[in-house]
């Protein structure tokens, strides 16, 4: 089938858009993770559908463990989907990932790394337990600094904000960050 007119997925659905697996766009993926004390809640737990994440059930069988599980699964799935194109050729994976945790402060635990080692990413995350309050203004400032420091017009910035929603998210600051990035433009 001609990619210009769409594609058929493995489950036999027809889509009129380009197959996303063939998209070799490059991304800066920034995970912004709330690790304040409110995520030490048993309202949701990690699924642990992969062997690597099963250790989360031991020490992180609560909300933050579910978030760590989701981040790991996203990275592993994204990395695996980029390994080969439908034609069987290896896709060039130039995506970069960042993990920013926040409570009273915002700090980077995984900076400017490729997606090639999701296990290392999981190990870095589980070094950090829930603590403190969540200061959204600190994490928005840190995310802006990352985007400025690593700006590359050929990459699209993707910010994935993971929080339980305790306290108020600063919508004006988030909108300002979005507007700034929209005006700057990506994909040079």
Protein backbone atom coordinates (compact mmCIF):
# COMPACT_ATOMS: atom_id res chain seq x y z
CA UNK A 1 0.00 0.00 0.00
CA UNK A 2 1.24 3.48 -0.84
CA UNK A 3 2.22 5.32 2.38
CA UNK A 4 0.78 8.52 0.96
CA UNK A 5 -2.72 7.06 1.14
CA UNK A 6 -2.44 5.29 4.49
CA UNK A 7 -1.59 1.92 5.96
CA UNK A 8 -3.13 -1.18 7.47
CA UNK A 9 -2.16 -1.96 11.07
CA UNK A 10 -1.23 -5.42 12.33
CA UNK A 11 -4.77 -5.80 13.69
CA UNK A 12 -6.14 -5.09 10.18
CA UNK A 13 -7.41 -1.53 10.77
CA UNK A 14 -6.99 0.91 7.91
CA UNK A 15 -5.64 4.37 8.73
CA UNK A 16 -5.50 7.24 6.23
CA UNK A 17 -2.48 8.83 7.89
CA UNK A 18 1.17 7.89 7.54
CA UNK A 19 2.25 4.86 9.57
CA UNK A 20 3.72 6.29 12.81
CA UNK A 21 6.35 3.54 12.96
CA UNK A 22 7.89 4.93 9.78
CA UNK A 23 8.10 8.37 11.37
CA UNK A 24 11.76 8.84 12.11
CA UNK A 25 11.20 12.19 13.75
CA UNK A 26 13.51 12.98 16.58
CA UNK A 27 12.26 13.93 20.00
CA UNK A 28 13.42 15.44 23.28
CA UNK A 29 11.19 13.55 25.69
CA UNK A 30 11.03 15.19 29.09
CA UNK A 31 9.25 13.32 31.87
CA UNK A 32 8.28 15.62 34.71
CA UNK A 33 7.43 13.41 37.71
CA UNK A 34 5.82 14.54 40.96
CA UNK A 35 7.49 12.72 43.85
CA UNK A 36 5.90 14.71 46.65
CA UNK A 37 4.59 12.89 49.70
CA UNK A 38 1.06 12.78 48.25
CA UNK A 39 2.17 10.14 45.70
CA UNK A 40 2.87 7.79 48.59
CA UNK A 41 -0.72 6.68 48.24
CA UNK A 42 -2.12 3.26 47.43
CA UNK A 43 -4.80 4.60 45.06
CA UNK A 44 -3.00 2.90 42.17
CA UNK A 45 -0.16 0.42 41.97
CA UNK A 46 2.37 -0.62 39.34
CA UNK A 47 1.18 -3.18 36.81
CA UNK A 48 4.66 -4.69 36.50
CA UNK A 49 3.93 -6.43 33.22
CA UNK A 50 7.64 -6.69 32.49
CA UNK A 51 10.31 -8.63 34.35
CA UNK A 52 12.39 -5.50 34.91
CA UNK A 53 9.57 -3.67 36.66
CA UNK A 54 8.57 -6.55 38.96
CA UNK A 55 10.92 -5.16 41.62
CA UNK A 56 8.59 -2.17 41.95
CA UNK A 57 6.06 -4.40 43.74
CA UNK A 58 8.56 -4.90 46.58
CA UNK A 59 9.31 -1.30 47.53
CA UNK A 60 7.09 0.88 45.34
CA UNK A 61 3.70 -0.81 45.42
CA UNK A 62 1.88 2.54 45.46
CA UNK A 63 1.18 5.56 43.25
CA UNK A 64 4.80 6.55 42.53
CA UNK A 65 5.63 2.93 41.63
CA UNK A 66 2.78 3.02 39.10
CA UNK A 67 4.29 6.18 37.60
CA UNK A 68 7.78 4.65 37.44
CA UNK A 69 6.27 1.56 35.79
CA UNK A 70 4.48 3.72 33.22
CA UNK A 71 7.64 5.72 32.39
CA UNK A 72 9.70 2.55 31.99
CA UNK A 73 7.03 0.91 29.81
CA UNK A 74 6.73 4.01 27.63
CA UNK A 75 10.51 4.21 27.09
CA UNK A 76 10.87 0.50 26.41
CA UNK A 77 7.92 0.45 23.99
CA UNK A 78 9.05 3.59 22.19
CA UNK A 79 12.61 2.26 21.88
CA UNK A 80 11.42 -1.14 20.61
CA UNK A 81 9.12 0.45 18.03
CA UNK A 82 12.05 2.44 16.64
CA UNK A 83 14.35 -0.54 16.14
CA UNK A 84 13.10 -1.48 12.69
CA UNK A 85 10.90 0.06 10.05
CA UNK A 86 8.23 -2.00 8.26
CA UNK A 87 10.69 -2.52 5.40
CA UNK A 88 13.02 -4.27 7.86
CA UNK A 89 15.65 -1.55 7.84
CA UNK A 90 16.95 -0.26 11.15
CA UNK A 91 15.53 3.11 12.08
CA UNK A 92 17.99 5.71 13.30
CA UNK A 93 16.89 6.53 16.82
CA UNK A 94 18.06 9.97 17.83
CA UNK A 95 15.50 10.49 20.57
CA UNK A 96 16.74 11.83 23.87
CA UNK A 97 15.09 11.43 27.27
CA UNK A 98 15.17 13.43 30.48
CA UNK A 99 13.60 12.61 33.84
CA UNK A 100 12.92 15.53 36.16
CA UNK A 101 11.61 14.77 39.65
CA UNK A 102 10.09 17.43 41.83
CA UNK A 103 8.92 18.06 45.34
CA UNK A 104 10.12 21.26 47.05
CA UNK A 105 12.82 21.32 44.42
CA UNK A 106 13.14 20.12 40.86
CA UNK A 107 16.15 18.05 39.89
CA UNK A 108 17.24 16.05 36.88
CA UNK A 109 17.99 12.37 37.48
CA UNK A 110 18.36 11.31 33.85
CA UNK A 111 19.75 13.90 31.49
CA UNK A 112 20.17 13.92 27.72
CA UNK A 113 20.33 10.14 27.37
CA UNK A 114 19.30 7.91 24.51
CA UNK A 115 16.47 5.40 24.93
CA UNK A 116 18.82 2.45 24.60
CA UNK A 117 18.90 1.48 28.29
CA UNK A 118 15.48 1.53 29.96
CA UNK A 119 16.84 -0.64 32.82
CA UNK A 120 19.31 2.09 33.79
CA UNK A 121 16.50 4.63 33.71
CA UNK A 122 14.41 2.46 36.05
CA UNK A 123 17.36 2.03 38.42
CA UNK A 124 17.83 5.82 38.58
CA UNK A 125 14.13 6.38 39.30
CA UNK A 126 13.89 3.88 42.16
CA UNK A 127 16.67 5.66 44.01
CA UNK A 128 14.05 8.34 44.82
CA UNK A 129 11.19 7.94 47.30
CA UNK A 130 8.26 10.34 47.78
CA UNK A 131 8.95 13.32 50.02
CA UNK A 132 7.90 16.90 50.65
CA UNK A 133 5.47 19.17 48.86
CA UNK A 134 5.09 19.82 45.16
CA UNK A 135 6.27 23.18 43.93
CA UNK A 136 5.14 23.33 40.33
CA UNK A 137 6.87 26.64 39.63
CA UNK A 138 10.25 24.99 40.35
CA UNK A 139 9.68 22.16 37.89
CA UNK A 140 8.36 24.45 35.17
CA UNK A 141 11.48 26.58 35.56
CA UNK A 142 13.73 23.47 35.41
CA UNK A 143 11.91 22.17 32.32
CA UNK A 144 12.40 25.54 30.59
CA UNK A 145 16.12 25.41 31.42
CA UNK A 146 16.41 21.94 29.87
CA UNK A 147 14.66 23.05 26.70
CA UNK A 148 16.90 26.11 26.42
CA UNK A 149 20.10 24.20 27.13
CA UNK A 150 19.41 21.34 24.70
CA UNK A 151 17.38 23.16 22.06
CA UNK A 152 17.68 21.56 18.65
CA UNK A 153 15.39 22.75 15.85
CA UNK A 154 15.43 19.27 14.31
CA UNK A 155 13.86 17.72 17.43
CA UNK A 156 10.38 18.10 18.82
CA UNK A 157 10.09 18.74 22.55
CA UNK A 158 7.62 16.41 24.24
CA UNK A 159 6.87 17.14 27.88
CA UNK A 160 5.02 14.41 29.77
CA UNK A 161 3.81 15.80 33.10
CA UNK A 162 2.97 13.10 35.69
CA UNK A 163 1.37 14.26 38.92
CA UNK A 164 -1.48 13.24 41.19
CA UNK A 165 -2.87 16.76 40.88
CA UNK A 166 -2.52 17.66 44.53
CA UNK A 167 -2.33 21.41 44.93
CA UNK A 168 -2.82 23.67 41.98
CA UNK A 169 -0.93 23.33 38.75
CA UNK A 170 0.19 26.72 37.57
CA UNK A 171 -1.70 26.93 34.30
CA UNK A 172 -0.41 30.39 33.32
CA UNK A 173 3.20 29.15 33.62
CA UNK A 174 2.45 25.99 31.62
CA UNK A 175 0.68 28.06 28.96
CA UNK A 176 3.64 30.42 28.84
CA UNK A 177 6.03 27.49 28.32
CA UNK A 178 3.79 26.11 25.57
CA UNK A 179 3.47 29.50 23.84
CA UNK A 180 7.21 30.09 23.97
CA UNK A 181 7.89 26.72 22.34
CA UNK A 182 5.15 27.22 19.75
CA UNK A 183 6.59 30.60 18.78
CA UNK A 184 10.15 29.30 18.66
CA UNK A 185 9.11 26.45 16.41
CA UNK A 186 10.72 23.09 16.03
CA UNK A 187 11.50 20.86 13.10
CA UNK A 188 13.95 23.16 11.32
